[in-house]
N, C-alpha and C. Protein backbone atom coordinates (compact mmCIF):
# COMPACT_ATOMS: atom_id res chain seq x y z
N MET A 1 -13.18 30.25 -10.03
CA MET A 1 -11.87 30.80 -9.78
C MET A 1 -11.21 31.04 -11.14
N LYS A 2 -10.84 32.29 -11.39
CA LYS A 2 -10.22 32.63 -12.66
C LYS A 2 -8.77 32.15 -12.70
N PHE A 3 -8.25 32.03 -13.92
CA PHE A 3 -6.87 31.55 -14.08
C PHE A 3 -5.88 32.52 -13.44
N SER A 4 -6.18 33.81 -13.48
CA SER A 4 -5.28 34.79 -12.84
C SER A 4 -5.24 34.59 -11.33
N ASP A 5 -6.36 34.18 -10.74
CA ASP A 5 -6.39 33.87 -9.31
C ASP A 5 -5.55 32.64 -8.99
N VAL A 6 -5.60 31.64 -9.88
CA VAL A 6 -4.80 30.43 -9.70
C VAL A 6 -3.32 30.77 -9.77
N ILE A 7 -2.93 31.58 -10.74
CA ILE A 7 -1.53 31.98 -10.88
C ILE A 7 -1.08 32.75 -9.64
N LEU A 8 -1.90 33.66 -9.16
CA LEU A 8 -1.55 34.42 -7.95
C LEU A 8 -1.42 33.51 -6.74
N ALA A 9 -2.32 32.53 -6.62
CA ALA A 9 -2.26 31.59 -5.50
C ALA A 9 -0.99 30.74 -5.57
N VAL A 10 -0.61 30.29 -6.76
CA VAL A 10 0.60 29.46 -6.91
C VAL A 10 1.85 30.29 -6.63
N ALA A 11 1.86 31.54 -7.11
CA ALA A 11 3.01 32.41 -6.83
C ALA A 11 3.14 32.65 -5.33
N THR A 12 2.01 32.89 -4.68
CA THR A 12 2.02 33.07 -3.23
C THR A 12 2.48 31.79 -2.53
N LEU A 13 1.99 30.67 -3.00
CA LEU A 13 2.37 29.37 -2.43
C LEU A 13 3.87 29.15 -2.56
N ALA A 14 4.43 29.48 -3.71
CA ALA A 14 5.87 29.29 -3.93
C ALA A 14 6.70 30.19 -3.02
N VAL A 15 6.29 31.44 -2.87
CA VAL A 15 7.05 32.37 -2.02
C VAL A 15 6.97 31.95 -0.56
N ILE A 16 5.78 31.61 -0.10
CA ILE A 16 5.63 31.17 1.30
C ILE A 16 6.41 29.88 1.52
N PHE A 17 6.37 28.96 0.55
CA PHE A 17 7.12 27.72 0.66
C PHE A 17 8.61 27.99 0.88
N VAL A 18 9.17 28.90 0.08
CA VAL A 18 10.61 29.18 0.18
C VAL A 18 10.97 29.71 1.56
N PHE A 19 10.18 30.64 2.08
CA PHE A 19 10.48 31.19 3.40
C PHE A 19 10.33 30.14 4.51
N VAL A 20 9.25 29.39 4.46
CA VAL A 20 9.02 28.36 5.48
C VAL A 20 10.07 27.26 5.37
N TYR A 21 10.43 26.88 4.15
CA TYR A 21 11.44 25.86 3.92
C TYR A 21 12.79 26.28 4.50
N PHE A 22 13.15 27.54 4.29
CA PHE A 22 14.41 28.05 4.84
C PHE A 22 14.44 27.94 6.36
N VAL A 23 13.35 28.33 7.00
CA VAL A 23 13.27 28.28 8.47
C VAL A 23 13.34 26.84 8.96
N PHE A 24 12.58 25.94 8.31
CA PHE A 24 12.60 24.54 8.73
C PHE A 24 13.94 23.88 8.46
N CYS A 25 14.61 24.26 7.38
CA CYS A 25 15.96 23.72 7.12
C CYS A 25 16.91 24.13 8.23
N LEU A 26 16.83 25.39 8.64
CA LEU A 26 17.69 25.85 9.73
C LEU A 26 17.42 25.08 11.02
N ALA A 27 16.17 24.70 11.23
CA ALA A 27 15.82 24.00 12.45
C ALA A 27 16.09 22.49 12.37
N LEU A 28 15.84 21.89 11.20
CA LEU A 28 15.87 20.43 11.11
C LEU A 28 17.20 19.84 10.67
N ILE A 29 17.99 20.56 9.90
CA ILE A 29 19.26 19.99 9.43
C ILE A 29 20.21 19.69 10.58
N PRO A 30 20.37 20.60 11.56
CA PRO A 30 21.27 20.25 12.67
C PRO A 30 20.79 19.05 13.49
N SER A 31 19.48 18.88 13.62
CA SER A 31 18.98 17.80 14.46
C SER A 31 18.81 16.48 13.71
N LEU A 32 18.44 16.51 12.44
CA LEU A 32 18.19 15.27 11.69
C LEU A 32 19.29 14.91 10.70
N GLY A 33 20.23 15.80 10.47
CA GLY A 33 21.25 15.58 9.45
C GLY A 33 20.83 16.19 8.14
N SER A 34 21.75 16.30 7.21
CA SER A 34 21.46 17.01 5.97
C SER A 34 20.40 16.32 5.12
N TYR A 35 20.47 15.03 4.92
CA TYR A 35 19.53 14.33 4.04
C TYR A 35 18.11 14.37 4.60
N TRP A 36 17.92 13.88 5.83
CA TRP A 36 16.58 13.84 6.41
C TRP A 36 16.08 15.22 6.78
N GLY A 37 16.97 16.12 7.15
CA GLY A 37 16.56 17.48 7.49
C GLY A 37 15.99 18.22 6.30
N VAL A 38 16.65 18.12 5.16
CA VAL A 38 16.18 18.79 3.94
C VAL A 38 14.86 18.18 3.48
N ASN A 39 14.76 16.87 3.48
CA ASN A 39 13.53 16.21 3.04
C ASN A 39 12.36 16.48 3.98
N SER A 40 12.61 16.43 5.28
CA SER A 40 11.55 16.72 6.25
C SER A 40 11.10 18.17 6.14
N ALA A 41 12.04 19.07 5.95
CA ALA A 41 11.70 20.48 5.80
C ALA A 41 10.84 20.69 4.56
N GLY A 42 11.13 19.99 3.48
CA GLY A 42 10.32 20.10 2.27
C GLY A 42 8.90 19.61 2.46
N ILE A 43 8.76 18.50 3.15
CA ILE A 43 7.42 17.94 3.39
C ILE A 43 6.59 18.87 4.28
N VAL A 44 7.17 19.28 5.39
CA VAL A 44 6.44 20.14 6.32
C VAL A 44 6.15 21.50 5.68
N SER A 45 7.09 22.03 4.92
CA SER A 45 6.91 23.34 4.29
C SER A 45 5.79 23.32 3.25
N THR A 46 5.68 22.23 2.52
CA THR A 46 4.60 22.13 1.53
C THR A 46 3.24 22.14 2.21
N LEU A 47 3.13 21.41 3.31
CA LEU A 47 1.86 21.41 4.05
C LEU A 47 1.55 22.77 4.66
N VAL A 48 2.53 23.39 5.30
CA VAL A 48 2.31 24.68 5.95
C VAL A 48 1.97 25.77 4.92
N ALA A 49 2.73 25.80 3.82
CA ALA A 49 2.45 26.79 2.78
C ALA A 49 1.07 26.58 2.18
N GLY A 50 0.68 25.32 1.98
CA GLY A 50 -0.66 25.03 1.49
C GLY A 50 -1.75 25.48 2.46
N LEU A 51 -1.52 25.26 3.75
CA LEU A 51 -2.49 25.71 4.75
C LEU A 51 -2.66 27.23 4.72
N VAL A 52 -1.55 27.94 4.65
CA VAL A 52 -1.61 29.41 4.66
C VAL A 52 -2.31 29.92 3.41
N VAL A 53 -1.91 29.42 2.25
CA VAL A 53 -2.51 29.89 1.00
C VAL A 53 -3.97 29.47 0.92
N GLY A 54 -4.31 28.29 1.37
CA GLY A 54 -5.71 27.88 1.40
C GLY A 54 -6.54 28.78 2.28
N PHE A 55 -5.99 29.19 3.41
CA PHE A 55 -6.71 30.09 4.30
C PHE A 55 -6.86 31.47 3.68
N VAL A 56 -5.78 31.99 3.10
CA VAL A 56 -5.81 33.34 2.53
C VAL A 56 -6.74 33.41 1.31
N PHE A 57 -6.70 32.38 0.46
CA PHE A 57 -7.50 32.38 -0.76
C PHE A 57 -8.82 31.62 -0.59
N ALA A 58 -9.26 31.42 0.63
CA ALA A 58 -10.48 30.64 0.89
C ALA A 58 -11.70 31.23 0.20
N GLY A 59 -11.80 32.55 0.17
CA GLY A 59 -12.94 33.19 -0.48
C GLY A 59 -13.01 32.86 -1.96
N LYS A 60 -11.88 32.95 -2.63
CA LYS A 60 -11.83 32.63 -4.06
C LYS A 60 -12.03 31.14 -4.29
N ILE A 61 -11.45 30.32 -3.42
CA ILE A 61 -11.58 28.87 -3.57
C ILE A 61 -13.03 28.44 -3.40
N GLN A 62 -13.74 29.06 -2.46
CA GLN A 62 -15.11 28.66 -2.17
C GLN A 62 -16.13 29.24 -3.14
N GLU A 63 -15.68 30.05 -4.12
CA GLU A 63 -16.60 30.58 -5.13
C GLU A 63 -17.13 29.47 -6.04
N GLU A 64 -16.33 28.46 -6.26
CA GLU A 64 -16.74 27.33 -7.09
C GLU A 64 -16.54 26.05 -6.28
N SER A 65 -16.53 24.93 -6.94
CA SER A 65 -16.27 23.67 -6.27
C SER A 65 -14.90 23.72 -5.61
N ILE A 66 -14.86 23.43 -4.32
CA ILE A 66 -13.60 23.52 -3.57
C ILE A 66 -12.57 22.54 -4.13
N ILE A 67 -13.00 21.33 -4.43
CA ILE A 67 -12.09 20.32 -4.96
C ILE A 67 -11.49 20.78 -6.29
N ARG A 68 -12.32 21.35 -7.16
CA ARG A 68 -11.84 21.81 -8.47
C ARG A 68 -10.86 22.97 -8.32
N ALA A 69 -11.19 23.94 -7.47
CA ALA A 69 -10.31 25.10 -7.29
C ALA A 69 -8.98 24.69 -6.67
N VAL A 70 -9.04 23.86 -5.64
CA VAL A 70 -7.81 23.39 -4.99
C VAL A 70 -7.01 22.53 -5.96
N GLY A 71 -7.68 21.73 -6.76
CA GLY A 71 -7.00 20.91 -7.75
C GLY A 71 -6.26 21.74 -8.78
N LYS A 72 -6.88 22.83 -9.25
CA LYS A 72 -6.21 23.72 -10.21
C LYS A 72 -4.93 24.28 -9.63
N ILE A 73 -5.01 24.74 -8.39
CA ILE A 73 -3.83 25.33 -7.74
C ILE A 73 -2.76 24.25 -7.54
N ALA A 74 -3.17 23.07 -7.08
CA ALA A 74 -2.20 22.00 -6.82
C ALA A 74 -1.52 21.53 -8.10
N VAL A 75 -2.26 21.43 -9.18
CA VAL A 75 -1.66 20.98 -10.45
C VAL A 75 -0.67 22.01 -10.97
N LEU A 76 -1.02 23.28 -10.91
CA LEU A 76 -0.08 24.31 -11.37
C LEU A 76 1.13 24.38 -10.44
N PHE A 77 0.92 24.16 -9.15
CA PHE A 77 2.04 24.11 -8.22
C PHE A 77 2.94 22.91 -8.52
N GLY A 78 2.36 21.78 -8.89
CA GLY A 78 3.14 20.61 -9.29
C GLY A 78 3.99 20.89 -10.52
N ALA A 79 3.42 21.60 -11.49
CA ALA A 79 4.18 21.96 -12.70
C ALA A 79 5.33 22.90 -12.34
N GLU A 80 5.06 23.85 -11.47
CA GLU A 80 6.10 24.78 -11.02
C GLU A 80 7.18 24.02 -10.25
N THR A 81 6.80 23.07 -9.45
CA THR A 81 7.75 22.26 -8.70
C THR A 81 8.64 21.45 -9.64
N SER A 82 8.05 20.91 -10.69
CA SER A 82 8.83 20.16 -11.68
C SER A 82 9.91 21.05 -12.30
N PHE A 83 9.52 22.23 -12.69
CA PHE A 83 10.47 23.16 -13.31
C PHE A 83 11.58 23.54 -12.34
N VAL A 84 11.21 23.88 -11.12
CA VAL A 84 12.20 24.31 -10.12
C VAL A 84 13.14 23.16 -9.76
N THR A 85 12.61 21.95 -9.65
CA THR A 85 13.45 20.79 -9.32
C THR A 85 14.48 20.51 -10.41
N VAL A 86 14.04 20.50 -11.65
CA VAL A 86 14.97 20.26 -12.76
C VAL A 86 16.02 21.36 -12.79
N LEU A 87 15.60 22.59 -12.63
CA LEU A 87 16.53 23.72 -12.66
C LEU A 87 17.55 23.64 -11.53
N SER A 88 17.08 23.36 -10.32
CA SER A 88 18.00 23.35 -9.17
C SER A 88 18.95 22.16 -9.21
N LEU A 89 18.47 20.98 -9.60
CA LEU A 89 19.35 19.81 -9.65
C LEU A 89 20.32 19.90 -10.82
N SER A 90 19.91 20.52 -11.91
CA SER A 90 20.81 20.67 -13.05
C SER A 90 21.89 21.71 -12.76
N ALA A 91 21.53 22.73 -12.01
CA ALA A 91 22.50 23.77 -11.68
C ALA A 91 23.44 23.35 -10.56
N ASN A 92 23.04 22.35 -9.80
CA ASN A 92 23.85 21.87 -8.69
C ASN A 92 24.94 20.95 -9.23
N GLY A 93 26.17 21.36 -9.11
CA GLY A 93 27.28 20.57 -9.62
C GLY A 93 27.55 19.30 -8.85
N TYR A 94 26.98 19.14 -7.67
CA TYR A 94 27.25 17.99 -6.82
C TYR A 94 26.22 16.88 -6.95
N TYR A 95 25.11 17.14 -7.62
CA TYR A 95 24.05 16.15 -7.68
C TYR A 95 24.52 14.87 -8.38
N ASN A 96 25.14 15.02 -9.54
CA ASN A 96 25.61 13.83 -10.27
C ASN A 96 26.69 13.09 -9.49
N ALA A 97 27.54 13.83 -8.77
CA ALA A 97 28.56 13.18 -7.94
C ALA A 97 27.90 12.40 -6.81
N TRP A 98 26.83 12.94 -6.24
CA TRP A 98 26.09 12.26 -5.18
C TRP A 98 25.45 10.98 -5.72
N VAL A 99 24.85 11.07 -6.91
CA VAL A 99 24.24 9.89 -7.54
C VAL A 99 25.30 8.84 -7.82
N LYS A 100 26.45 9.28 -8.35
CA LYS A 100 27.53 8.35 -8.67
C LYS A 100 28.04 7.66 -7.41
N GLU A 101 28.22 8.41 -6.34
CA GLU A 101 28.71 7.83 -5.08
C GLU A 101 27.72 6.80 -4.54
N ASN A 102 26.42 7.12 -4.60
CA ASN A 102 25.42 6.17 -4.13
C ASN A 102 25.36 4.92 -4.99
N LEU A 103 25.47 5.09 -6.30
CA LEU A 103 25.45 3.92 -7.18
C LEU A 103 26.67 3.04 -6.95
N GLN A 104 27.83 3.65 -6.76
CA GLN A 104 29.04 2.87 -6.53
C GLN A 104 28.97 2.11 -5.21
N SER A 105 28.29 2.68 -4.23
CA SER A 105 28.18 1.99 -2.95
C SER A 105 27.15 0.85 -3.00
N MET A 106 26.20 0.92 -3.93
CA MET A 106 25.17 -0.10 -4.02
C MET A 106 25.51 -1.22 -5.00
N TYR A 107 26.20 -0.89 -6.09
CA TYR A 107 26.44 -1.85 -7.16
C TYR A 107 27.92 -1.90 -7.51
N SER A 108 28.30 -2.96 -8.19
CA SER A 108 29.63 -3.05 -8.76
C SER A 108 29.60 -2.28 -10.08
N THR A 109 30.22 -1.11 -10.08
CA THR A 109 30.13 -0.22 -11.25
C THR A 109 31.44 -0.16 -12.02
N GLY A 110 32.33 -1.12 -11.81
CA GLY A 110 33.65 -1.09 -12.44
C GLY A 110 33.62 -1.14 -13.95
N ALA A 111 32.66 -1.85 -14.53
CA ALA A 111 32.63 -2.00 -15.99
C ALA A 111 31.59 -1.12 -16.66
N TRP A 112 31.08 -0.12 -15.97
CA TRP A 112 30.05 0.73 -16.55
C TRP A 112 30.65 1.66 -17.59
N THR A 113 29.91 1.86 -18.67
CA THR A 113 30.34 2.78 -19.71
C THR A 113 29.81 4.18 -19.39
N THR A 114 30.26 5.14 -20.17
CA THR A 114 29.76 6.50 -20.00
C THR A 114 28.26 6.55 -20.24
N THR A 115 27.77 5.77 -21.18
CA THR A 115 26.34 5.70 -21.46
C THR A 115 25.58 5.16 -20.25
N ASP A 116 26.13 4.15 -19.60
CA ASP A 116 25.49 3.61 -18.39
C ASP A 116 25.36 4.69 -17.33
N TRP A 117 26.44 5.43 -17.09
CA TRP A 117 26.39 6.49 -16.09
C TRP A 117 25.39 7.56 -16.46
N PHE A 118 25.39 7.95 -17.72
CA PHE A 118 24.46 8.98 -18.19
C PHE A 118 23.02 8.55 -17.98
N VAL A 119 22.70 7.32 -18.37
CA VAL A 119 21.33 6.82 -18.24
C VAL A 119 20.90 6.76 -16.78
N TYR A 120 21.76 6.25 -15.91
CA TYR A 120 21.38 6.15 -14.50
C TYR A 120 21.30 7.51 -13.82
N GLU A 121 22.14 8.44 -14.22
CA GLU A 121 22.04 9.80 -13.67
C GLU A 121 20.75 10.47 -14.12
N GLN A 122 20.36 10.27 -15.38
CA GLN A 122 19.09 10.81 -15.87
C GLN A 122 17.90 10.14 -15.18
N LEU A 123 18.02 8.84 -14.96
CA LEU A 123 16.96 8.12 -14.25
C LEU A 123 16.81 8.66 -12.82
N ALA A 124 17.92 8.94 -12.16
CA ALA A 124 17.86 9.51 -10.81
C ALA A 124 17.23 10.89 -10.84
N LEU A 125 17.54 11.69 -11.86
CA LEU A 125 16.96 13.02 -11.98
C LEU A 125 15.45 12.94 -12.20
N VAL A 126 15.03 12.07 -13.11
CA VAL A 126 13.60 11.91 -13.38
C VAL A 126 12.86 11.39 -12.15
N THR A 127 13.48 10.47 -11.43
CA THR A 127 12.86 9.94 -10.21
C THR A 127 12.71 11.04 -9.16
N GLN A 128 13.72 11.86 -9.01
CA GLN A 128 13.66 12.96 -8.04
C GLN A 128 12.57 13.96 -8.43
N VAL A 129 12.48 14.30 -9.70
CA VAL A 129 11.45 15.23 -10.17
C VAL A 129 10.07 14.63 -9.93
N ALA A 130 9.89 13.36 -10.28
CA ALA A 130 8.58 12.72 -10.10
C ALA A 130 8.18 12.68 -8.63
N LEU A 131 9.13 12.37 -7.76
CA LEU A 131 8.83 12.34 -6.32
C LEU A 131 8.45 13.73 -5.81
N ASN A 132 9.19 14.75 -6.21
CA ASN A 132 8.88 16.11 -5.77
C ASN A 132 7.52 16.57 -6.28
N VAL A 133 7.19 16.25 -7.53
CA VAL A 133 5.90 16.63 -8.09
C VAL A 133 4.78 15.90 -7.37
N LEU A 134 4.96 14.61 -7.11
CA LEU A 134 3.95 13.84 -6.40
C LEU A 134 3.70 14.42 -5.00
N LEU A 135 4.79 14.72 -4.29
CA LEU A 135 4.64 15.32 -2.96
C LEU A 135 3.97 16.69 -3.04
N ALA A 136 4.34 17.49 -4.04
CA ALA A 136 3.71 18.81 -4.19
C ALA A 136 2.23 18.68 -4.47
N LEU A 137 1.86 17.73 -5.32
CA LEU A 137 0.44 17.54 -5.64
C LEU A 137 -0.35 17.07 -4.42
N VAL A 138 0.13 16.03 -3.78
CA VAL A 138 -0.63 15.44 -2.67
C VAL A 138 -0.63 16.36 -1.45
N LEU A 139 0.56 16.75 -1.00
CA LEU A 139 0.63 17.58 0.21
C LEU A 139 0.09 18.98 -0.03
N GLY A 140 0.33 19.52 -1.23
CA GLY A 140 -0.24 20.82 -1.57
C GLY A 140 -1.75 20.78 -1.57
N PHE A 141 -2.32 19.72 -2.15
CA PHE A 141 -3.77 19.58 -2.18
C PHE A 141 -4.34 19.48 -0.76
N ILE A 142 -3.72 18.64 0.06
CA ILE A 142 -4.19 18.48 1.44
C ILE A 142 -4.11 19.80 2.20
N GLY A 143 -2.97 20.48 2.12
CA GLY A 143 -2.82 21.75 2.82
C GLY A 143 -3.79 22.80 2.33
N LEU A 144 -3.95 22.92 1.01
CA LEU A 144 -4.88 23.90 0.45
C LEU A 144 -6.32 23.60 0.87
N TYR A 145 -6.69 22.34 0.82
CA TYR A 145 -8.06 21.97 1.17
C TYR A 145 -8.35 22.27 2.64
N ILE A 146 -7.47 21.82 3.51
CA ILE A 146 -7.68 22.06 4.95
C ILE A 146 -7.65 23.56 5.24
N GLY A 147 -6.70 24.28 4.65
CA GLY A 147 -6.61 25.72 4.86
C GLY A 147 -7.86 26.45 4.41
N SER A 148 -8.44 26.04 3.28
CA SER A 148 -9.64 26.70 2.79
C SER A 148 -10.86 26.36 3.65
N MET A 149 -10.82 25.20 4.31
CA MET A 149 -11.95 24.83 5.18
C MET A 149 -11.87 25.50 6.55
N LEU A 150 -10.72 26.03 6.90
CA LEU A 150 -10.58 26.70 8.21
C LEU A 150 -11.28 28.06 8.25
N ARG A 151 -11.52 28.61 7.09
CA ARG A 151 -12.13 29.93 7.03
C ARG A 151 -13.57 29.78 6.51
N LYS A 152 -14.49 30.32 7.26
CA LYS A 152 -15.91 30.23 6.89
C LYS A 152 -16.20 31.17 5.72
N PRO A 153 -17.08 30.74 4.82
CA PRO A 153 -17.44 31.63 3.70
C PRO A 153 -18.21 32.85 4.22
N LYS A 154 -17.97 33.99 3.55
CA LYS A 154 -18.67 35.22 3.94
C LYS A 154 -20.11 35.15 3.46
N LYS A 155 -21.02 35.63 4.30
CA LYS A 155 -22.44 35.65 3.92
C LYS A 155 -22.71 36.97 3.21
N SER A 156 -23.38 36.88 2.06
CA SER A 156 -23.66 38.08 1.27
C SER A 156 -24.95 38.72 1.71
């Protein structure tokens, strides 16, 4: 599988993820609430997008070792997920307020300095990025692998 094929597969995976995520958010947020609805939609969307892309790119994936090809796509998708997560959480003006509210509800934060808040907000950001990348790697790999196995290789 050439690097250009991997890039095309990841771009396709990202586009399909966004559309599927939007649909699942519309369906799950009213029933599960905003926090669980968004997270559940992300998990299901990663699996569904991986299944679709694995099925569509099965021919290219099966040209070499399936594990290696799926791994290349999953790793690049994880890197893309890291970038998108940092970008979206940094651009979101409410993320730090949400972190601050949660920290104040869990701990006595009356004597915290600005440095304390900065460090814990950065720690929350890094934790969120790491969790999203881990989910993208694992669920993306599973979806891509299963999707590529659903389609039989063409006989030459």
